[in-house]
C-alpha cells in the first residue's frame, strides 16, 4: 500500500524543502489544486504532450540546464513520467498506475533519504546517486517508487534506485 505523502515526508526527513535559488533545495510536489507554473505548461505544450501535467518538480537534469523539469502527465489512474527539455524534446522515464507521486532531490538529499530508508522497518530500497545531477523519484504503482538520474557519461537517464512501501 502506498504511504500517503511518503515522498514529501521523506524529503523533509532528508532535509529537503521548497524549490529555491541556486544553492537551495530543489524539490517540489504539485497537486492538481495548486496548479502548474506557466513555464511547465508551455514546455509541455511545446513537447506536444496533450494530457494534463498532474505533478512536477524542478531539477538540474542535464547539461547547461537543458532540462529543468520532471513531470507526470496523464489522466486519473495512469500516466507517464517525463523530463521536459527547453527545445521541446522529452525523455520518458516510466509509466505509472494510480496517482502520480513525483519528487526531485539533490544528490546529497537523495543520500540522506537512502540513509533514512535503511533505518525503516517498513520501507525497503536504496538510492545511489552517482553524479552531481538531480535525482527524480516517482511511484510507478501503489507500492513501488523508482529513481532516475541524468548520467553525463552516458548522455541519458539511468535508474539509480527506488523503494517498496
N, C-alpha and C. Protein backbone atom coordinates (compact mmCIF):
# COMPACT_ATOMS: atom_id res chain seq x y z
N UNK A 1 0.84 -1.18 0.00
CA UNK A 1 0.00 0.00 0.00
C UNK A 1 0.89 1.24 0.00
N UNK A 2 0.57 2.21 -0.84
CA UNK A 2 1.34 3.44 -0.91
C UNK A 2 1.11 4.24 0.36
N UNK A 3 2.18 4.72 0.94
CA UNK A 3 2.08 5.55 2.11
C UNK A 3 1.80 6.97 1.65
N UNK A 4 0.64 7.48 1.98
CA UNK A 4 0.25 8.82 1.54
C UNK A 4 1.27 9.83 2.04
N UNK A 5 1.72 10.65 1.14
CA UNK A 5 2.65 11.71 1.49
C UNK A 5 4.06 11.24 1.79
N UNK A 6 4.39 9.98 1.49
CA UNK A 6 5.71 9.48 1.83
C UNK A 6 6.81 10.30 1.18
N UNK A 7 6.66 10.64 -0.10
CA UNK A 7 7.72 11.40 -0.75
C UNK A 7 7.95 12.73 -0.05
N UNK A 8 6.87 13.41 0.31
CA UNK A 8 7.03 14.69 0.99
C UNK A 8 7.65 14.49 2.37
N UNK A 9 7.16 13.50 3.11
CA UNK A 9 7.72 13.24 4.44
C UNK A 9 9.17 12.81 4.34
N UNK A 10 9.48 11.98 3.36
CA UNK A 10 10.86 11.53 3.19
C UNK A 10 11.75 12.69 2.80
N UNK A 11 11.24 13.57 1.98
CA UNK A 11 12.03 14.73 1.57
C UNK A 11 12.34 15.61 2.76
N UNK A 12 11.35 15.82 3.63
CA UNK A 12 11.58 16.62 4.82
C UNK A 12 12.58 15.91 5.72
N UNK A 13 12.45 14.58 5.87
CA UNK A 13 13.40 13.82 6.67
C UNK A 13 14.80 13.91 6.11
N UNK A 14 14.90 14.04 4.79
CA UNK A 14 16.20 14.14 4.15
C UNK A 14 16.73 15.57 4.18
N UNK A 15 15.96 16.48 4.77
CA UNK A 15 16.41 17.86 4.86
C UNK A 15 15.99 18.71 3.68
N UNK A 16 15.05 18.24 2.88
CA UNK A 16 14.62 18.98 1.69
C UNK A 16 13.61 20.04 2.06
N UNK A 17 13.34 20.93 1.12
CA UNK A 17 12.37 21.99 1.30
C UNK A 17 11.74 22.35 -0.02
N UNK A 18 11.39 23.60 -0.16
CA UNK A 18 10.76 24.04 -1.40
C UNK A 18 11.81 24.47 -2.41
N UNK A 19 11.39 24.53 -3.67
CA UNK A 19 12.29 24.95 -4.74
C UNK A 19 12.80 26.35 -4.43
N UNK A 20 14.09 26.58 -4.66
CA UNK A 20 14.65 27.88 -4.36
C UNK A 20 15.73 28.28 -5.32
N UNK A 21 16.44 29.31 -4.97
CA UNK A 21 17.51 29.84 -5.80
C UNK A 21 18.72 28.92 -5.76
N UNK A 22 19.73 29.28 -6.53
CA UNK A 22 20.95 28.47 -6.60
C UNK A 22 21.47 28.19 -5.20
N UNK A 23 21.84 26.95 -4.96
CA UNK A 23 22.37 26.55 -3.68
C UNK A 23 21.30 26.13 -2.68
N UNK A 24 20.05 26.37 -2.99
CA UNK A 24 18.97 25.94 -2.11
C UNK A 24 18.41 24.62 -2.60
N UNK A 25 17.59 24.03 -1.77
CA UNK A 25 16.93 22.77 -2.11
C UNK A 25 16.09 22.92 -3.36
N UNK A 26 16.03 21.86 -4.19
CA UNK A 26 15.35 21.94 -5.47
C UNK A 26 14.32 20.84 -5.63
N UNK A 27 13.38 20.72 -4.74
CA UNK A 27 12.32 19.73 -4.94
C UNK A 27 10.98 20.39 -4.74
N UNK A 28 9.99 19.85 -5.35
CA UNK A 28 8.63 20.31 -5.12
C UNK A 28 7.67 19.23 -5.57
N UNK A 29 6.53 19.23 -4.97
CA UNK A 29 5.47 18.32 -5.40
C UNK A 29 4.25 19.20 -5.66
N UNK A 30 3.64 19.06 -6.80
CA UNK A 30 2.47 19.86 -7.13
C UNK A 30 1.25 18.97 -7.18
N UNK A 31 0.26 19.32 -6.43
CA UNK A 31 -1.02 18.64 -6.50
C UNK A 31 -1.89 19.42 -7.48
N UNK A 32 -2.85 18.77 -8.13
CA UNK A 32 -3.66 19.46 -9.13
C UNK A 32 -4.26 20.76 -8.62
N UNK A 33 -4.68 20.83 -7.36
CA UNK A 33 -5.31 22.04 -6.85
C UNK A 33 -4.34 23.21 -6.79
N UNK A 34 -3.05 22.96 -6.75
CA UNK A 34 -2.07 24.03 -6.66
C UNK A 34 -1.72 24.61 -8.02
N UNK A 35 -2.12 23.97 -9.08
CA UNK A 35 -1.82 24.49 -10.40
C UNK A 35 -0.42 24.14 -10.87
N UNK A 36 -0.17 24.47 -12.11
CA UNK A 36 1.11 24.19 -12.75
C UNK A 36 1.67 25.52 -13.24
N UNK A 37 2.93 25.81 -12.97
CA UNK A 37 3.51 27.07 -13.44
C UNK A 37 3.42 27.20 -14.96
N UNK A 38 3.29 28.41 -15.41
CA UNK A 38 3.16 28.68 -16.85
C UNK A 38 4.32 28.07 -17.63
N UNK A 39 5.56 28.19 -17.13
CA UNK A 39 6.71 27.67 -17.87
C UNK A 39 6.61 26.16 -18.06
N UNK A 40 6.09 25.45 -17.06
CA UNK A 40 5.93 23.99 -17.19
C UNK A 40 4.86 23.68 -18.23
N UNK A 41 3.74 24.39 -18.17
CA UNK A 41 2.67 24.19 -19.15
C UNK A 41 3.16 24.49 -20.57
N UNK A 42 3.94 25.56 -20.72
CA UNK A 42 4.46 25.93 -22.04
C UNK A 42 5.42 24.88 -22.58
N UNK A 43 6.31 24.37 -21.72
CA UNK A 43 7.24 23.32 -22.16
C UNK A 43 6.48 22.05 -22.54
N UNK A 44 5.45 21.70 -21.76
CA UNK A 44 4.66 20.50 -22.07
C UNK A 44 3.95 20.68 -23.41
N UNK A 45 3.41 21.87 -23.65
CA UNK A 45 2.73 22.13 -24.93
C UNK A 45 3.73 22.09 -26.09
N UNK A 46 4.90 22.69 -25.90
CA UNK A 46 5.93 22.68 -26.94
C UNK A 46 6.36 21.24 -27.25
N UNK A 47 6.34 20.39 -26.22
CA UNK A 47 6.72 18.99 -26.40
C UNK A 47 5.59 18.17 -27.04
N UNK A 48 4.42 18.76 -27.17
CA UNK A 48 3.31 18.04 -27.79
C UNK A 48 2.57 17.12 -26.83
N UNK A 49 2.76 17.30 -25.53
CA UNK A 49 2.05 16.48 -24.56
C UNK A 49 0.62 17.00 -24.47
N UNK A 50 -0.34 16.18 -24.84
CA UNK A 50 -1.72 16.61 -24.92
C UNK A 50 -2.57 16.16 -23.74
N UNK A 51 -1.92 15.68 -22.71
CA UNK A 51 -2.61 15.31 -21.49
C UNK A 51 -2.14 16.24 -20.38
N UNK A 52 -2.95 16.43 -19.34
CA UNK A 52 -2.58 17.41 -18.32
C UNK A 52 -1.34 17.02 -17.52
N UNK A 53 -0.60 18.05 -17.12
CA UNK A 53 0.50 17.85 -16.17
C UNK A 53 -0.14 17.70 -14.80
N UNK A 54 0.10 16.55 -14.17
CA UNK A 54 -0.52 16.24 -12.89
C UNK A 54 0.40 16.52 -11.72
N UNK A 55 1.70 16.48 -11.96
CA UNK A 55 2.69 16.70 -10.91
C UNK A 55 3.98 17.12 -11.60
N UNK A 56 4.82 17.84 -10.90
CA UNK A 56 6.07 18.31 -11.49
C UNK A 56 7.09 18.58 -10.39
N UNK A 57 8.34 18.62 -10.76
CA UNK A 57 9.39 19.08 -9.86
C UNK A 57 10.53 19.65 -10.69
N UNK A 58 11.27 20.56 -10.10
CA UNK A 58 12.37 21.25 -10.77
C UNK A 58 13.69 20.59 -10.39
N UNK A 59 14.60 20.55 -11.35
CA UNK A 59 15.91 19.99 -11.07
C UNK A 59 16.92 20.36 -12.12
N UNK A 60 18.12 19.88 -11.93
CA UNK A 60 19.22 20.07 -12.87
C UNK A 60 19.48 18.70 -13.50
N UNK A 61 18.78 18.42 -14.61
CA UNK A 61 18.78 17.09 -15.18
C UNK A 61 19.74 16.88 -16.33
N UNK A 62 20.40 17.90 -16.78
CA UNK A 62 21.26 17.70 -17.94
C UNK A 62 22.25 18.81 -18.10
N UNK A 63 22.95 18.82 -19.20
CA UNK A 63 23.99 19.83 -19.43
C UNK A 63 23.39 21.22 -19.58
N UNK A 64 23.98 22.18 -18.90
CA UNK A 64 23.64 23.60 -19.02
C UNK A 64 22.15 23.87 -18.87
N UNK A 65 21.50 23.18 -17.94
CA UNK A 65 20.08 23.43 -17.68
C UNK A 65 19.17 23.08 -18.83
N UNK A 66 19.58 22.12 -19.67
CA UNK A 66 18.78 21.75 -20.84
C UNK A 66 17.42 21.19 -20.46
N UNK A 67 17.29 20.64 -19.28
CA UNK A 67 16.04 20.01 -18.89
C UNK A 67 15.74 20.33 -17.42
N UNK A 68 14.99 21.41 -17.20
CA UNK A 68 14.78 21.86 -15.82
C UNK A 68 13.61 21.23 -15.07
N UNK A 69 12.77 20.44 -15.74
CA UNK A 69 11.58 19.92 -15.07
C UNK A 69 11.34 18.45 -15.37
N UNK A 70 10.92 17.73 -14.32
CA UNK A 70 10.35 16.39 -14.48
C UNK A 70 8.86 16.57 -14.27
N UNK A 71 8.05 15.85 -15.03
CA UNK A 71 6.60 15.98 -14.92
C UNK A 71 5.94 14.61 -14.96
N UNK A 72 4.74 14.56 -14.39
CA UNK A 72 3.86 13.41 -14.54
C UNK A 72 2.67 13.92 -15.34
N UNK A 73 2.37 13.23 -16.44
CA UNK A 73 1.22 13.61 -17.26
C UNK A 73 0.31 12.40 -17.39
N UNK A 74 -0.97 12.67 -17.56
CA UNK A 74 -1.90 11.57 -17.74
C UNK A 74 -3.30 11.95 -17.33
N UNK A 75 -4.05 10.94 -16.98
CA UNK A 75 -5.41 11.12 -16.53
C UNK A 75 -5.56 10.31 -15.24
N UNK A 76 -6.65 10.51 -14.51
CA UNK A 76 -6.80 9.74 -13.27
C UNK A 76 -6.61 8.25 -13.50
N UNK A 77 -5.70 7.67 -12.76
CA UNK A 77 -5.47 6.23 -12.84
C UNK A 77 -4.24 5.78 -13.58
N UNK A 78 -3.68 6.63 -14.45
CA UNK A 78 -2.50 6.20 -15.21
C UNK A 78 -1.85 7.39 -15.90
N UNK A 79 -0.59 7.20 -16.25
CA UNK A 79 0.13 8.24 -16.97
C UNK A 79 1.58 7.88 -17.17
N UNK A 80 2.38 8.91 -17.44
CA UNK A 80 3.81 8.72 -17.71
C UNK A 80 4.61 9.85 -17.06
N UNK A 81 5.82 9.49 -16.64
CA UNK A 81 6.78 10.48 -16.16
C UNK A 81 7.71 10.85 -17.30
N UNK A 82 7.95 12.15 -17.47
CA UNK A 82 8.85 12.68 -18.50
C UNK A 82 9.79 13.71 -17.90
N UNK A 83 10.89 13.94 -18.58
CA UNK A 83 11.71 15.12 -18.36
C UNK A 83 11.48 16.01 -19.58
N UNK A 84 11.20 17.28 -19.34
CA UNK A 84 10.95 18.23 -20.42
C UNK A 84 12.23 19.01 -20.72
N UNK A 85 12.58 19.08 -22.00
CA UNK A 85 13.75 19.84 -22.43
C UNK A 85 13.31 21.21 -22.93
N UNK A 86 14.20 22.20 -22.83
CA UNK A 86 13.87 23.55 -23.31
C UNK A 86 13.54 23.57 -24.79
N UNK A 87 14.13 22.66 -25.58
CA UNK A 87 13.92 22.68 -27.03
C UNK A 87 12.63 21.97 -27.45
N UNK A 88 11.83 21.50 -26.51
CA UNK A 88 10.58 20.83 -26.83
C UNK A 88 10.68 19.32 -26.84
N UNK A 89 11.87 18.79 -26.72
CA UNK A 89 12.04 17.34 -26.66
C UNK A 89 11.64 16.82 -25.27
N UNK A 90 11.34 15.54 -25.21
CA UNK A 90 11.05 14.90 -23.93
C UNK A 90 11.87 13.63 -23.80
N UNK A 91 12.08 13.22 -22.56
CA UNK A 91 12.66 11.92 -22.27
C UNK A 91 11.66 11.22 -21.36
N UNK A 92 11.15 10.08 -21.81
CA UNK A 92 10.23 9.32 -20.97
C UNK A 92 11.01 8.52 -19.95
N UNK A 93 10.59 8.65 -18.68
CA UNK A 93 11.23 7.89 -17.61
C UNK A 93 10.49 6.58 -17.34
N UNK A 94 9.15 6.65 -17.25
CA UNK A 94 8.38 5.44 -16.95
C UNK A 94 6.90 5.72 -17.06
N UNK A 95 6.12 4.65 -17.13
CA UNK A 95 4.67 4.74 -16.99
C UNK A 95 4.35 4.57 -15.51
N UNK A 96 3.19 5.11 -15.10
CA UNK A 96 2.73 4.87 -13.73
C UNK A 96 1.26 4.49 -13.74
N UNK A 97 0.87 3.78 -12.69
CA UNK A 97 -0.53 3.42 -12.45
C UNK A 97 -0.97 4.15 -11.19
N UNK A 98 -2.23 4.55 -11.15
CA UNK A 98 -2.73 5.26 -9.98
C UNK A 98 -2.42 6.74 -10.09
N UNK A 99 -2.29 7.37 -8.95
CA UNK A 99 -1.97 8.80 -8.91
C UNK A 99 -0.46 8.99 -8.94
N UNK A 100 0.00 10.04 -9.64
CA UNK A 100 1.45 10.27 -9.67
C UNK A 100 1.94 10.80 -8.33
N UNK A 101 3.15 10.46 -8.01
CA UNK A 101 3.83 10.99 -6.84
C UNK A 101 5.27 11.17 -7.27
N UNK A 102 5.70 12.40 -7.45
CA UNK A 102 6.98 12.73 -8.06
C UNK A 102 7.73 13.71 -7.18
N UNK A 103 9.02 13.51 -7.01
CA UNK A 103 9.86 14.44 -6.24
C UNK A 103 11.26 14.46 -6.83
N UNK A 104 11.91 15.60 -6.69
CA UNK A 104 13.29 15.77 -7.16
C UNK A 104 14.19 16.07 -5.97
N UNK A 105 15.37 15.47 -5.98
CA UNK A 105 16.31 15.61 -4.88
C UNK A 105 17.69 15.95 -5.40
N UNK A 106 18.42 16.75 -4.65
CA UNK A 106 19.84 16.91 -4.95
C UNK A 106 20.50 15.58 -4.60
N UNK A 107 21.70 15.31 -5.10
CA UNK A 107 22.36 14.06 -4.71
C UNK A 107 22.53 13.92 -3.19
N UNK A 108 22.84 15.02 -2.51
CA UNK A 108 23.00 14.96 -1.04
C UNK A 108 21.68 14.60 -0.37
N UNK A 109 20.58 15.18 -0.83
CA UNK A 109 19.27 14.85 -0.27
C UNK A 109 18.92 13.39 -0.55
N UNK A 110 19.24 12.91 -1.74
CA UNK A 110 18.96 11.51 -2.07
C UNK A 110 19.75 10.57 -1.16
N UNK A 111 20.99 10.92 -0.86
CA UNK A 111 21.79 10.09 0.05
C UNK A 111 21.19 10.09 1.46
N UNK A 112 20.68 11.24 1.91
CA UNK A 112 20.03 11.31 3.22
C UNK A 112 18.76 10.46 3.23
N UNK A 113 18.00 10.53 2.14
CA UNK A 113 16.80 9.71 2.03
C UNK A 113 17.16 8.23 2.06
N UNK A 114 18.24 7.86 1.37
CA UNK A 114 18.72 6.48 1.38
C UNK A 114 19.06 6.04 2.80
N UNK A 115 19.73 6.91 3.54
CA UNK A 115 20.09 6.58 4.93
C UNK A 115 18.84 6.42 5.79
N UNK A 116 17.85 7.28 5.58
CA UNK A 116 16.60 7.17 6.34
C UNK A 116 15.88 5.86 6.01
N UNK A 117 15.88 5.48 4.72
CA UNK A 117 15.22 4.22 4.33
C UNK A 117 15.92 3.02 4.95
N UNK A 118 17.23 3.09 5.07
CA UNK A 118 17.96 1.95 5.63
C UNK A 118 17.59 1.71 7.09
N UNK A 119 17.05 2.72 7.75
CA UNK A 119 16.64 2.59 9.14
C UNK A 119 15.16 2.22 9.28
N UNK A 120 14.43 2.23 8.17
CA UNK A 120 12.99 1.98 8.21
C UNK A 120 12.68 0.49 8.32
N UNK A 121 11.64 0.18 9.09
CA UNK A 121 11.18 -1.19 9.20
C UNK A 121 10.12 -1.51 8.15
N UNK A 122 9.60 -0.48 7.48
CA UNK A 122 8.50 -0.71 6.53
C UNK A 122 8.86 -0.37 5.09
N UNK A 123 9.99 0.26 4.87
CA UNK A 123 10.38 0.65 3.52
C UNK A 123 11.66 -0.08 3.16
N UNK A 124 11.64 -0.71 1.98
CA UNK A 124 12.79 -1.47 1.53
C UNK A 124 13.29 -0.88 0.21
N UNK A 125 14.55 -0.49 0.18
CA UNK A 125 15.11 0.03 -1.06
C UNK A 125 16.39 0.81 -0.85
N UNK A 126 16.90 1.34 -1.96
CA UNK A 126 18.16 2.11 -1.97
C UNK A 126 18.06 3.20 -3.02
N UNK A 127 18.77 4.28 -2.78
CA UNK A 127 19.00 5.32 -3.79
C UNK A 127 20.50 5.58 -3.77
N UNK A 128 21.14 5.43 -4.93
CA UNK A 128 22.58 5.60 -5.01
C UNK A 128 22.94 6.58 -6.13
N UNK A 129 22.81 7.88 -5.86
CA UNK A 129 23.19 8.86 -6.89
C UNK A 129 24.67 8.75 -7.21
N UNK A 130 25.00 8.91 -8.51
CA UNK A 130 26.39 8.74 -8.93
C UNK A 130 26.98 10.00 -9.55
N UNK A 131 26.16 11.01 -9.82
CA UNK A 131 26.66 12.23 -10.44
C UNK A 131 26.13 13.44 -9.69
N UNK A 132 26.44 14.63 -10.15
CA UNK A 132 26.00 15.85 -9.47
C UNK A 132 24.62 16.32 -9.93
N UNK A 133 23.99 15.60 -10.83
CA UNK A 133 22.68 15.98 -11.36
C UNK A 133 21.56 15.57 -10.40
N UNK A 134 20.40 16.18 -10.58
CA UNK A 134 19.23 15.92 -9.75
C UNK A 134 18.73 14.49 -9.90
N UNK A 135 18.21 13.95 -8.81
CA UNK A 135 17.59 12.62 -8.80
C UNK A 135 16.08 12.83 -8.77
N UNK A 136 15.36 12.24 -9.72
CA UNK A 136 13.90 12.29 -9.76
C UNK A 136 13.36 10.93 -9.35
N UNK A 137 12.41 10.92 -8.42
CA UNK A 137 11.80 9.68 -7.96
C UNK A 137 10.29 9.77 -8.11
N UNK A 138 9.70 8.68 -8.59
CA UNK A 138 8.25 8.65 -8.74
C UNK A 138 7.70 7.26 -8.51
N UNK A 139 6.50 7.21 -7.95
CA UNK A 139 5.82 5.92 -7.78
C UNK A 139 5.30 5.46 -9.12
N UNK A 140 5.59 4.21 -9.47
CA UNK A 140 5.10 3.63 -10.72
C UNK A 140 3.86 2.77 -10.49
N UNK A 141 3.60 2.42 -9.25
CA UNK A 141 2.36 1.77 -8.84
C UNK A 141 2.12 2.12 -7.38
N UNK A 142 1.16 1.48 -6.74
CA UNK A 142 0.81 1.86 -5.37
C UNK A 142 1.90 1.65 -4.34
N UNK A 143 2.85 0.78 -4.62
CA UNK A 143 3.86 0.46 -3.60
C UNK A 143 5.30 0.63 -4.06
N UNK A 144 5.53 0.90 -5.33
CA UNK A 144 6.89 0.88 -5.87
C UNK A 144 7.30 2.24 -6.43
N UNK A 145 8.38 2.78 -5.89
CA UNK A 145 8.95 4.03 -6.40
C UNK A 145 10.26 3.71 -7.12
N UNK A 146 10.55 4.45 -8.18
CA UNK A 146 11.78 4.30 -8.95
C UNK A 146 12.45 5.67 -9.03
N UNK A 147 13.78 5.68 -8.99
CA UNK A 147 14.54 6.93 -9.07
C UNK A 147 15.46 6.90 -10.27
N UNK A 148 15.57 8.06 -10.95
CA UNK A 148 16.41 8.20 -12.13
C UNK A 148 17.33 9.40 -11.95
N UNK A 149 18.46 9.35 -12.65
CA UNK A 149 19.41 10.46 -12.63
C UNK A 149 20.03 10.58 -14.02
N UNK A 150 20.26 11.83 -14.44
CA UNK A 150 20.92 12.04 -15.72
C UNK A 150 22.40 11.69 -15.57
N UNK A 151 22.89 10.86 -16.47
CA UNK A 151 24.31 10.47 -16.48
C UNK A 151 25.04 11.26 -17.55
N UNK A 152 25.93 12.17 -17.15
CA UNK A 152 26.73 12.89 -18.14
C UNK A 152 27.63 11.95 -18.94
N UNK A 153 27.98 10.82 -18.36
CA UNK A 153 28.83 9.84 -19.03
C UNK A 153 28.08 9.17 -20.17
N UNK A 154 26.83 8.75 -19.89
CA UNK A 154 26.02 8.05 -20.88
C UNK A 154 25.19 9.00 -21.74
N UNK A 155 25.04 10.25 -21.30
CA UNK A 155 24.22 11.21 -22.03
C UNK A 155 22.74 10.88 -21.99
N UNK A 156 22.29 10.22 -20.93
CA UNK A 156 20.89 9.85 -20.79
C UNK A 156 20.54 9.57 -19.34
N UNK A 157 19.31 9.16 -19.11
CA UNK A 157 18.84 8.91 -17.77
C UNK A 157 18.99 7.43 -17.42
N UNK A 158 19.42 7.16 -16.19
CA UNK A 158 19.60 5.81 -15.71
C UNK A 158 18.89 5.66 -14.35
N UNK A 159 18.45 4.44 -14.07
CA UNK A 159 17.87 4.18 -12.76
C UNK A 159 18.98 4.15 -11.73
N UNK A 160 18.74 4.83 -10.63
CA UNK A 160 19.73 4.85 -9.54
C UNK A 160 19.14 4.38 -8.23
N UNK A 161 17.97 3.75 -8.31
CA UNK A 161 17.40 3.21 -7.09
C UNK A 161 15.89 3.25 -7.09
N UNK A 162 15.36 3.04 -5.89
CA UNK A 162 13.93 3.03 -5.67
C UNK A 162 13.61 2.34 -4.36
N UNK A 163 12.31 2.21 -4.09
CA UNK A 163 11.91 1.55 -2.85
C UNK A 163 10.52 0.98 -3.00
N UNK A 164 10.20 0.11 -2.05
CA UNK A 164 8.88 -0.51 -1.95
C UNK A 164 8.36 -0.20 -0.57
N UNK A 165 7.08 0.24 -0.50
CA UNK A 165 6.48 0.55 0.80
C UNK A 165 5.51 -0.53 1.19
